Amino acid sequence: MNLINSNGQCSTIVQALLTDEYQLNMAYSYWQQGIHNKTARFELFLEKILLRFYLEFISQKLSYADKNFFEYLRQFNCENIILMAIPEGSIVFPKIPLIIVEGPLAVCQMLETTLLNLVNFASLVTTNAARFRLAAGDQIELMEFGLRRAQGPNGGLSASKYCYVGGFDSTSNLLAGKLFGIPVSGTMAHSFVTAFNDQPLNKSELIKKDSDEKLDLQKISKFYLEKIFEKFNWGISKDGVNIGELNAFCAYAISH
């Protein structure tokens, strides 16, 4: 499935069928009662709803509906919708609408699920990220590394974007960095650490920036490990240290 359109936005999944079946049921009842064009105001975007492309599927699911209702859906559009929303990233308080939708009742009803889906997760992640920023203060760098545990590709992109909106400094998500201009960062996974053992590294030399002097980082690390054990008592012997882990950290430092 292509999740990214030509504009670089992950929005192809946001389409007319991204709604709940009961929204259609309610819209049909409105239409049947002749109140579907009654002006309504929903408070919580779709540029265009093209239900005509999905009428065959919808007619199967609403087999009980009057055929004229599907003609109504064929002409379905958002031309008479007025949508008011606060700017993304704004601070809001409880009971303050994020989005206000006004227009024909049936159209407003059909937009409800989609708009809630677009806003609720985004506001959840942004709020949580803002709490982390408040707790960490201004001087601590916050990095988001959640892609591997995210709710699918779209969830991962949304989480990375809205963590940044909420105050994080960067993300490990390269695609989010490309699409949204978020700084990218990363460290290493545990799998990298476990890939090394206590054998000498194939490459362990670093060259000092201010000279051509070569330094063996692996030897230097082991030297200072000895010094640390001489100075501190950690309740374990030097032989209990996992040298493979130390070598992994050295290898990563040398590479970067």
C-alpha atoms as a PDB file:
ATOM      1  CA  MET A   1       0.000   0.000   0.000  1.00  0.00           C
ATOM      2  CA  ASN A   2       1.351   3.421  -0.970  1.00  0.00           C
ATOM      3  CA  LEU A   3       1.041   5.531   2.162  1.00  0.00           C
ATOM      4  CA  ILE A   4       2.627   8.681   0.716  1.00  0.00           C
ATOM      5  CA  ASN A   5       1.171  10.792  -2.075  1.00  0.00           C
ATOM      6  CA  SER A   6       2.977  12.965  -4.617  1.00  0.00           C
ATOM      7  CA  ASN A   7       3.007  15.915  -2.204  1.00  0.00           C
ATOM      8  CA  GLY A   8       4.953  13.896   0.357  1.00  0.00           C
ATOM      9  CA  GLN A   9       2.003  13.613   2.719  1.00  0.00           C
ATOM     10  CA  CYS A  10       0.905  10.311   4.275  1.00  0.00           C
ATOM     11  CA  SER A  11      -2.765  10.884   3.477  1.00  0.00           C
ATOM     12  CA  THR A  12      -3.832   8.250   0.949  1.00  0.00           C
ATOM     13  CA  ILE A  13      -5.465   6.292   3.759  1.00  0.00           C
ATOM     14  CA  VAL A  14      -7.696   9.298   4.552  1.00  0.00           C
ATOM     15  CA  GLN A  15     -10.521   8.703   2.124  1.00  0.00           C
ATOM     16  CA  ALA A  16     -14.303   8.613   2.069  1.00  0.00           C
ATOM     17  CA  LEU A  17     -14.490   5.149   3.661  1.00  0.00           C
ATOM     18  CA  LEU A  18     -12.352   6.163   6.646  1.00  0.00           C
ATOM     19  CA  THR A  19     -15.472   6.506   8.767  1.00  0.00           C
ATOM     20  CA  ASP A  20     -17.791   4.347  10.850  1.00  0.00           C
ATOM     21  CA  GLU A  21     -20.658   2.390   9.342  1.00  0.00           C
ATOM     22  CA  TYR A  22     -23.096   3.944  11.795  1.00  0.00           C
ATOM     23  CA  GLN A  23     -22.341   7.392  10.369  1.00  0.00           C
ATOM     24  CA  LEU A  24     -23.883   6.201   7.106  1.00  0.00           C
ATOM     25  CA  ASN A  25     -26.834   4.759   8.996  1.00  0.00           C
ATOM     26  CA  MET A  26     -27.467   8.108  10.644  1.00  0.00           C
ATOM     27  CA  ALA A  27     -27.019   9.987   7.371  1.00  0.00           C
ATOM     28  CA  TYR A  28     -29.601   7.707   5.769  1.00  0.00           C
ATOM     29  CA  SER A  29     -32.054   8.397   8.563  1.00  0.00           C
ATOM     30  CA  TYR A  30     -31.494  12.139   8.166  1.00  0.00           C
ATOM     31  CA  TRP A  31     -32.101  11.824   4.422  1.00  0.00           C
ATOM     32  CA  GLN A  32     -35.164   9.648   4.925  1.00  0.00           C
ATOM     33  CA  GLN A  33     -36.625  12.190   7.362  1.00  0.00           C
ATOM     34  CA  GLY A  34     -35.849  15.054   5.005  1.00  0.00           C
ATOM     35  CA  ILE A  35     -33.541  16.814   7.475  1.00  0.00           C
ATOM     36  CA  HIS A  36     -30.224  15.932   5.846  1.00  0.00           C
ATOM     37  CA  ASN A  37     -29.692  19.529   4.677  1.00  0.00           C
ATOM     38  CA  LYS A  38     -30.627  21.045   8.024  1.00  0.00           C
ATOM     39  CA  THR A  39     -27.826  23.308   9.230  1.00  0.00           C
ATOM     40  CA  ALA A  40     -25.744  21.653  11.934  1.00  0.00           C
ATOM     41  CA  ARG A  41     -22.703  22.593  13.988  1.00  0.00           C
ATOM     42  CA  PHE A  42     -20.249  19.911  15.136  1.00  0.00           C
ATOM     43  CA  GLU A  43     -17.447  20.828  17.482  1.00  0.00           C
ATOM     44  CA  LEU A  44     -14.657  18.741  17.795  1.00  0.00           C
ATOM     45  CA  PHE A  45     -10.375  17.856   6.742  1.00  0.00           C
ATOM     46  CA  LEU A  46     -11.101  16.605   3.998  1.00  0.00           C
ATOM     47  CA  GLU A  47     -10.713  18.833   0.921  1.00  0.00           C
ATOM     48  CA  LYS A  48     -13.120  16.639  -0.950  1.00  0.00           C
ATOM     49  CA  ILE A  49     -15.324  13.633  -0.264  1.00  0.00           C
ATOM     50  CA  LEU A  50     -15.830  11.475  -3.336  1.00  0.00           C
ATOM     51  CA  LEU A  51     -18.357   8.931  -2.184  1.00  0.00           C
ATOM     52  CA  ARG A  52     -19.391   8.192  -5.757  1.00  0.00           C
ATOM     53  CA  PHE A  53     -16.306   5.998  -6.138  1.00  0.00           C
ATOM     54  CA  TYR A  54     -17.508   3.773  -3.308  1.00  0.00           C
ATOM     55  CA  LEU A  55     -21.240   3.594  -4.007  1.00  0.00           C
ATOM     56  CA  GLU A  56     -21.144  -0.066  -5.042  1.00  0.00           C
ATOM     57  CA  PHE A  57     -19.547  -1.052  -1.737  1.00  0.00           C
ATOM     58  CA  ILE A  58     -21.827   1.227   0.295  1.00  0.00           C
ATOM     59  CA  SER A  59     -24.956  -0.048  -1.456  1.00  0.00           C
ATOM     60  CA  GLN A  60     -24.007  -3.598  -0.460  1.00  0.00           C
ATOM     61  CA  LYS A  61     -23.597  -2.589   3.180  1.00  0.00           C
ATOM     62  CA  LEU A  62     -26.793  -0.497   3.223  1.00  0.00           C
ATOM     63  CA  SER A  63     -28.903  -2.925   1.226  1.00  0.00           C
ATOM     64  CA  TYR A  64     -32.022  -1.757   3.063  1.00  0.00           C
ATOM     65  CA  ALA A  65     -31.644   1.870   1.917  1.00  0.00           C
ATOM     66  CA  ASP A  66     -33.819   3.621  -0.663  1.00  0.00           C
ATOM     67  CA  LYS A  67     -32.039   3.782  -4.047  1.00  0.00           C
ATOM     68  CA  ASN A  68     -32.577   7.555  -4.155  1.00  0.00           C
ATOM     69  CA  PHE A  69     -30.291   7.848  -1.143  1.00  0.00           C
ATOM     70  CA  PHE A  70     -27.400   6.620  -3.269  1.00  0.00           C
ATOM     71  CA  GLU A  71     -28.191   9.318  -5.815  1.00  0.00           C
ATOM     72  CA  TYR A  72     -27.887  11.795  -2.958  1.00  0.00           C
ATOM     73  CA  LEU A  73     -24.503  10.279  -2.061  1.00  0.00           C
ATOM     74  CA  ARG A  74     -23.418  10.507  -5.705  1.00  0.00           C
ATOM     75  CA  GLN A  75     -23.717  14.302  -5.457  1.00  0.00           C
ATOM     76  CA  PHE A  76     -22.270  14.371  -1.924  1.00  0.00           C
ATOM     77  CA  ASN A  77     -19.755  17.192  -1.385  1.00  0.00           C
ATOM     78  CA  CYS A  78     -18.456  19.629   1.197  1.00  0.00           C
ATOM     79  CA  GLU A  79     -19.210  22.838  -0.693  1.00  0.00           C
ATOM     80  CA  ASN A  80     -21.512  24.152   2.035  1.00  0.00           C
ATOM     81  CA  ILE A  81     -19.301  23.138   4.934  1.00  0.00           C
ATOM     82  CA  ILE A  82     -17.701  25.815   7.104  1.00  0.00           C
ATOM     83  CA  LEU A  83     -14.722  24.433   9.001  1.00  0.00           C
ATOM     84  CA  MET A  84     -12.989  26.424  11.739  1.00  0.00           C
ATOM     85  CA  ALA A  85      -9.879  25.087  13.463  1.00  0.00           C
ATOM     86  CA  ILE A  86      -7.186  26.382  15.774  1.00  0.00           C
ATOM     87  CA  PRO A  87      -3.634  26.396  14.362  1.00  0.00           C
ATOM     88  CA  GLU A  88      -1.714  23.156  14.798  1.00  0.00           C
ATOM     89  CA  GLY A  89       0.433  23.222  17.930  1.00  0.00           C
ATOM     90  CA  SER A  90      -1.759  25.738  19.782  1.00  0.00           C
ATOM     91  CA  ILE A  91      -2.314  25.419  23.529  1.00  0.00           C
ATOM     92  CA  VAL A  92      -5.933  24.574  24.325  1.00  0.00           C
ATOM     93  CA  PHE A  93      -7.912  23.988  27.495  1.00  0.00           C
ATOM     94  CA  PRO A  94     -10.656  21.451  28.315  1.00  0.00           C
ATOM     95  CA  LYS A  95     -13.998  22.016  26.570  1.00  0.00           C
ATOM     96  CA  ILE A  96     -12.441  24.394  24.016  1.00  0.00           C
ATOM     97  CA  PRO A  97     -13.284  23.134  20.494  1.00  0.00           C
ATOM     98  CA  LEU A  98     -10.284  22.219  18.362  1.00  0.00           C
ATOM     99  CA  ILE A  99     -12.454  22.119  15.248  1.00  0.00           C
ATOM    100  CA  ILE A 100     -15.919  23.488  14.531  1.00  0.00           C
ATOM    101  CA  VAL A 101     -17.822  22.124  11.540  1.00  0.00           C
ATOM    102  CA  GLU A 102     -20.992  23.811  10.299  1.00  0.00           C
ATOM    103  CA  GLY A 103     -23.158  22.858   7.361  1.00  0.00           C
ATOM    104  CA  PRO A 104     -25.708  20.273   6.219  1.00  0.00           C
ATOM    105  CA  LEU A 105     -26.387  17.823   9.042  1.00  0.00           C
ATOM    106  CA  ALA A 106     -25.681  14.649   7.055  1.00  0.00           C
ATOM    107  CA  VAL A 107     -22.372  15.987   5.738  1.00  0.00           C
ATOM    108  CA  CYS A 108     -21.258  17.061   9.222  1.00  0.00           C
ATOM    109  CA  GLN A 109     -22.210  13.635  10.539  1.00  0.00           C
ATOM    110  CA  MET A 110     -20.186  11.896   7.850  1.00  0.00           C
ATOM    111  CA  LEU A 111     -17.115  13.987   8.678  1.00  0.00           C
ATOM    112  CA  GLU A 112     -17.211  13.302  12.423  1.00  0.00           C
ATOM    113  CA  THR A 113     -15.266  10.027  12.584  1.00  0.00           C
ATOM    114  CA  THR A 114     -12.616  11.126  10.096  1.00  0.00           C
ATOM    115  CA  LEU A 115     -11.926  14.411  11.861  1.00  0.00           C
ATOM    116  CA  LEU A 116     -11.845  12.783  15.289  1.00  0.00           C
ATOM    117  CA  ASN A 117      -9.461  10.138  13.979  1.00  0.00           C
ATOM    118  CA  LEU A 118      -7.161  12.810  12.549  1.00  0.00           C
ATOM    119  CA  VAL A 119      -7.179  14.952  15.687  1.00  0.00           C
ATOM    120  CA  ASN A 120      -7.456  12.655  18.721  1.00  0.00           C
ATOM    121  CA  PHE A 121      -4.224  10.681  18.336  1.00  0.00           C
ATOM    122  CA  ALA A 122      -2.342  13.805  17.276  1.00  0.00           C
ATOM    123  CA  SER A 123      -3.481  15.754  20.339  1.00  0.00           C
ATOM    124  CA  LEU A 124      -2.763  12.759  22.607  1.00  0.00           C
ATOM    125  CA  VAL A 125       0.842  12.444  21.424  1.00  0.00           C
ATOM    126  CA  THR A 126       1.440  16.200  21.398  1.00  0.00           C
ATOM    127  CA  THR A 127       0.102  16.596  24.941  1.00  0.00           C
ATOM    128  CA  ASN A 128       2.236  13.726  26.215  1.00  0.00           C
ATOM    129  CA  ALA A 129       5.319  15.147  24.488  1.00  0.00           C
ATOM    130  CA  ALA A 130       4.655  18.575  26.007  1.00  0.00           C
ATOM    131  CA  ARG A 131       4.515  17.002  29.475  1.00  0.00           C
ATOM    132  CA  PHE A 132       7.901  15.394  28.875  1.00  0.00           C
ATOM    133  CA  ARG A 133       9.282  18.772  27.806  1.00  0.00           C
ATOM    134  CA  LEU A 134       7.893  20.502  30.896  1.00  0.00           C
ATOM    135  CA  ALA A 135       9.397  17.806  33.131  1.00  0.00           C
ATOM    136  CA  ALA A 136      12.768  17.857  31.364  1.00  0.00           C
ATOM    137  CA  GLY A 137      13.102  21.631  31.151  1.00  0.00           C
ATOM    138  CA  ASP A 138      14.667  23.651  28.353  1.00  0.00           C
ATOM    139  CA  GLN A 139      18.250  22.391  28.553  1.00  0.00           C
ATOM    140  CA  ILE A 140      17.726  18.632  28.141  1.00  0.00           C
ATOM    141  CA  GLU A 141      17.526  17.200  24.624  1.00  0.00           C
ATOM    142  CA  LEU A 142      14.554  14.908  23.993  1.00  0.00           C
ATOM    143  CA  MET A 143      14.724  12.351  21.178  1.00  0.00           C
ATOM    144  CA  GLU A 144      11.824  10.215  19.936  1.00  0.00           C
ATOM    145  CA  PHE A 145      12.713   6.590  19.072  1.00  0.00           C
ATOM    146  CA  GLY A 146       9.244   5.005  18.937  1.00  0.00           C
ATOM    147  CA  LEU A 147       8.942   3.785  15.333  1.00  0.00           C
ATOM    148  CA  ARG A 148       9.585   0.108  16.099  1.00  0.00           C
ATOM    149  CA  ARG A 149       6.706  -0.025  18.584  1.00  0.00           C
ATOM    150  CA  ALA A 150       4.315   2.316  16.767  1.00  0.00           C
ATOM    151  CA  GLN A 151       0.825   1.388  15.565  1.00  0.00           C
ATOM    152  CA  GLY A 152       1.861   0.700  11.976  1.00  0.00           C
ATOM    153  CA  PRO A 153       3.614   2.983   9.446  1.00  0.00           C
ATOM    154  CA  ASN A 154       1.049   5.793   9.629  1.00  0.00           C
ATOM    155  CA  GLY A 155       1.013   5.669  13.424  1.00  0.00           C
ATOM    156  CA  GLY A 156       4.790   5.863  13.457  1.00  0.00           C
ATOM    157  CA  LEU A 157       4.857   8.917  11.196  1.00  0.00           C
ATOM    158  CA  SER A 158       2.121  10.648  13.183  1.00  0.00           C
ATOM    159  CA  ALA A 159       3.824   9.932  16.513  1.00  0.00           C
ATOM    160  CA  SER A 160       7.166  11.256  15.270  1.00  0.00           C
ATOM    161  CA  LYS A 161       5.565  14.407  13.874  1.00  0.00           C
ATOM    162  CA  TYR A 162       3.494  15.235  16.937  1.00  0.00           C
ATOM    163  CA  CYS A 163       6.269  14.471  19.419  1.00  0.00           C
ATOM    164  CA  TYR A 164       8.196  17.183  17.591  1.00  0.00           C
ATOM    165  CA  VAL A 165       5.194  19.535  17.692  1.00  0.00           C
ATOM    166  CA  GLY A 166       4.944  18.855  21.436  1.00  0.00           C
ATOM    167  CA  GLY A 167       8.533  19.848  22.142  1.00  0.00           C
ATOM    168  CA  PHE A 168      10.873  16.960  21.317  1.00  0.00           C
ATOM    169  CA  ASP A 169      14.095  17.916  19.559  1.00  0.00           C
ATOM    170  CA  SER A 170      14.468  15.084  17.067  1.00  0.00           C
ATOM    171  CA  THR A 171      13.298  11.665  15.893  1.00  0.00           C
ATOM    172  CA  SER A 172      14.990   8.453  14.784  1.00  0.00           C
ATOM    173  CA  ASN A 173      12.337   8.122  12.054  1.00  0.00           C
ATOM    174  CA  LEU A 174      14.126   8.976   8.810  1.00  0.00           C
ATOM    175  CA  LEU A 175      10.927   9.138   6.757  1.00  0.00           C
ATOM    176  CA  ALA A 176       9.362  11.575   9.230  1.00  0.00           C
ATOM    177  CA  GLY A 177      12.523  13.644   9.014  1.00  0.00           C
ATOM    178  CA  LYS A 178      12.264  13.771   5.235  1.00  0.00           C
ATOM    179  CA  LEU A 179       8.517  14.463   5.084  1.00  0.00           C
ATOM    180  CA  PHE A 180       8.191  16.949   7.929  1.00  0.00           C
ATOM    181  CA  GLY A 181      11.660  18.495   8.204  1.00  0.00           C
ATOM    182  CA  ILE A 182      12.264  17.066  11.691  1.00  0.00           C
ATOM    183  CA  PRO A 183      15.908  16.740  12.812  1.00  0.00           C
ATOM    184  CA  VAL A 184      16.911  13.060  12.928  1.00  0.00           C
ATOM    185  CA  SER A 185      19.091  11.399  15.541  1.00  0.00           C
ATOM    186  CA  GLY A 186      19.843   7.975  16.958  1.00  0.00           C
ATOM    187  CA  THR A 187      22.087   5.873  19.137  1.00  0.00           C
ATOM    188  CA  MET A 188      22.290   2.088  18.838  1.00  0.00           C
ATOM    189  CA  ALA A 189      20.117  -0.967  19.404  1.00  0.00           C
ATOM    190  CA  HIS A 190      20.883  -3.824  21.790  1.00  0.00           C
ATOM    191  CA  SER A 191      21.380  -6.055  18.752  1.00  0.00           C
ATOM    192  CA  PHE A 192      24.459  -3.971  17.908  1.00  0.00           C
ATOM    193  CA  VAL A 193      25.891  -4.501  21.384  1.00  0.00           C
ATOM    194  CA  THR A 194      25.367  -8.267  21.238  1.00  0.00           C
ATOM    195  CA  ALA A 195      27.137  -8.467  17.865  1.00  0.00           C
ATOM    196  CA  PHE A 196      30.545  -7.970  19.551  1.00  0.00           C
ATOM    197  CA  ASN A 197      32.647 -10.223  21.771  1.00  0.00           C
ATOM    198  CA  ASP A 198      35.878  -9.874  23.731  1.00  0.00           C
ATOM    199  CA  GLN A 199      38.088 -10.243  20.660  1.00  0.00           C
ATOM    200  CA  PRO A 200      40.107  -7.270  19.382  1.00  0.00           C
ATOM    201  CA  LEU A 201      38.276  -4.947  17.016  1.00  0.00           C
ATOM    202  CA  ASN A 202      39.282  -4.988  13.351  1.00  0.00           C
ATOM    203  CA  LYS A 203      39.547  -1.218  13.519  1.00  0.00           C
ATOM    204  CA  SER A 204      40.159   0.536  16.803  1.00  0.00           C
ATOM    205  CA  GLU A 205      42.250   3.576  15.892  1.00  0.00           C
ATOM    206  CA  LEU A 206      41.150   7.197  16.018  1.00  0.00           C
ATOM    207  CA  ILE A 207      43.107  10.187  14.731  1.00  0.00           C
ATOM    208  CA  LYS A 208      43.194  13.284  16.939  1.00  0.00           C
ATOM    209  CA  LYS A 209      41.641  16.361  15.339  1.00  0.00           C
ATOM    210  CA  ASP A 210      44.486  18.705  16.250  1.00  0.00           C
ATOM    211  CA  SER A 211      47.283  16.381  15.107  1.00  0.00           C
ATOM    212  CA  ASP A 212      48.007  13.234  13.138  1.00  0.00           C
ATOM    213  CA  GLU A 213      48.445  11.212  16.312  1.00  0.00           C
ATOM    214  CA  LYS A 214      46.690   7.855  16.227  1.00  0.00           C
ATOM    215  CA  LEU A 215      44.935   6.598  19.328  1.00  0.00           C
ATOM    216  CA  ASP A 216      43.791   3.040  19.974  1.00  0.00           C
ATOM    217  CA  LEU A 217      40.359   3.577  21.529  1.00  0.00           C
ATOM    218  CA  GLN A 218      39.995  -0.045  22.580  1.00  0.00           C
ATOM    219  CA  LYS A 219      43.260   0.014  24.527  1.00  0.00           C
ATOM    220  CA  ILE A 220      42.452   3.414  26.049  1.00  0.00           C
ATOM    221  CA  SER A 221      39.031   2.187  27.171  1.00  0.00           C
ATOM    222  CA  LYS A 222      40.489  -0.889  28.839  1.00  0.00           C
ATOM    223  CA  PHE A 223      43.140   1.257  30.537  1.00  0.00           C
ATOM    224  CA  TYR A 224      40.527   3.544  32.067  1.00  0.00           C
ATOM    225  CA  LEU A 225      38.367   0.565  32.969  1.00  0.00           C
ATOM    226  CA  GLU A 226      41.264  -0.638  35.138  1.00  0.00           C
ATOM    227  CA  LYS A 227      41.517   2.814  36.745  1.00  0.00           C
ATOM    228  CA  ILE A 228      37.793   2.865  37.512  1.00  0.00           C
ATOM    229  CA  PHE A 229      37.974  -0.495  39.253  1.00  0.00           C
ATOM    230  CA  GLU A 230      40.952   0.689  41.277  1.00  0.00           C
ATOM    231  CA  LYS A 231      39.028   3.743  42.468  1.00  0.00           C
ATOM    232  CA  PHE A 232      35.469   2.409  42.947  1.00  0.00           C
ATOM    233  CA  ASN A 233      33.997  -0.693  44.512  1.00  0.00           C
ATOM    234  CA  TRP A 234      30.938  -1.734  42.514  1.00  0.00           C
ATOM    235  CA  GLY A 235      30.452  -5.090  44.175  1.00  0.00           C
ATOM    236  CA  ILE A 236      31.711  -7.012  41.152  1.00  0.00           C
ATOM    237  CA  SER A 237      35.155  -7.989  40.021  1.00  0.00           C
ATOM    238  CA  LYS A 238      36.836  -6.656  36.922  1.00  0.00           C
ATOM    239  CA  ASP A 239      36.482 -10.126  35.417  1.00  0.00           C
ATOM    240  CA  GLY A 240      32.694  -9.743  35.627  1.00  0.00           C
ATOM    241  CA  VAL A 241      32.680  -6.912  33.099  1.00  0.00           C
ATOM    242  CA  ASN A 242      31.333  -7.806  29.661  1.00  0.00           C
ATOM    243  CA  ILE A 243      34.211  -6.770  27.417  1.00  0.00           C
ATOM    244  CA  GLY A 244      32.060  -7.432  24.359  1.00  0.00           C
ATOM    245  CA  GLU A 245      29.777  -4.582  25.393  1.00  0.00           C
ATOM    246  CA  LEU A 246      32.744  -2.277  25.898  1.00  0.00           C
ATOM    247  CA  ASN A 247      34.032  -3.220  22.450  1.00  0.00           C
ATOM    248  CA  ALA A 248      30.617  -2.474  20.941  1.00  0.00           C
ATOM    249  CA  PHE A 249      30.644   1.022  22.418  1.00  0.00           C
ATOM    250  CA  CYS A 250      34.182   1.558  21.120  1.00  0.00           C
ATOM    251  CA  ALA A 251      33.226   0.357  17.639  1.00  0.00           C
ATOM    252  CA  TYR A 252      30.254   2.708  17.530  1.00  0.00           C
ATOM    253  CA  ALA A 253      32.333   5.654  18.735  1.00  0.00           C
ATOM    254  CA  ILE A 254      34.991   4.944  16.096  1.00  0.00           C
ATOM    255  CA  SER A 255      32.353   4.863  13.346  1.00  0.00           C
ATOM    256  CA  HIS A 256      30.907   8.207  14.357  1.00  0.00           C
END
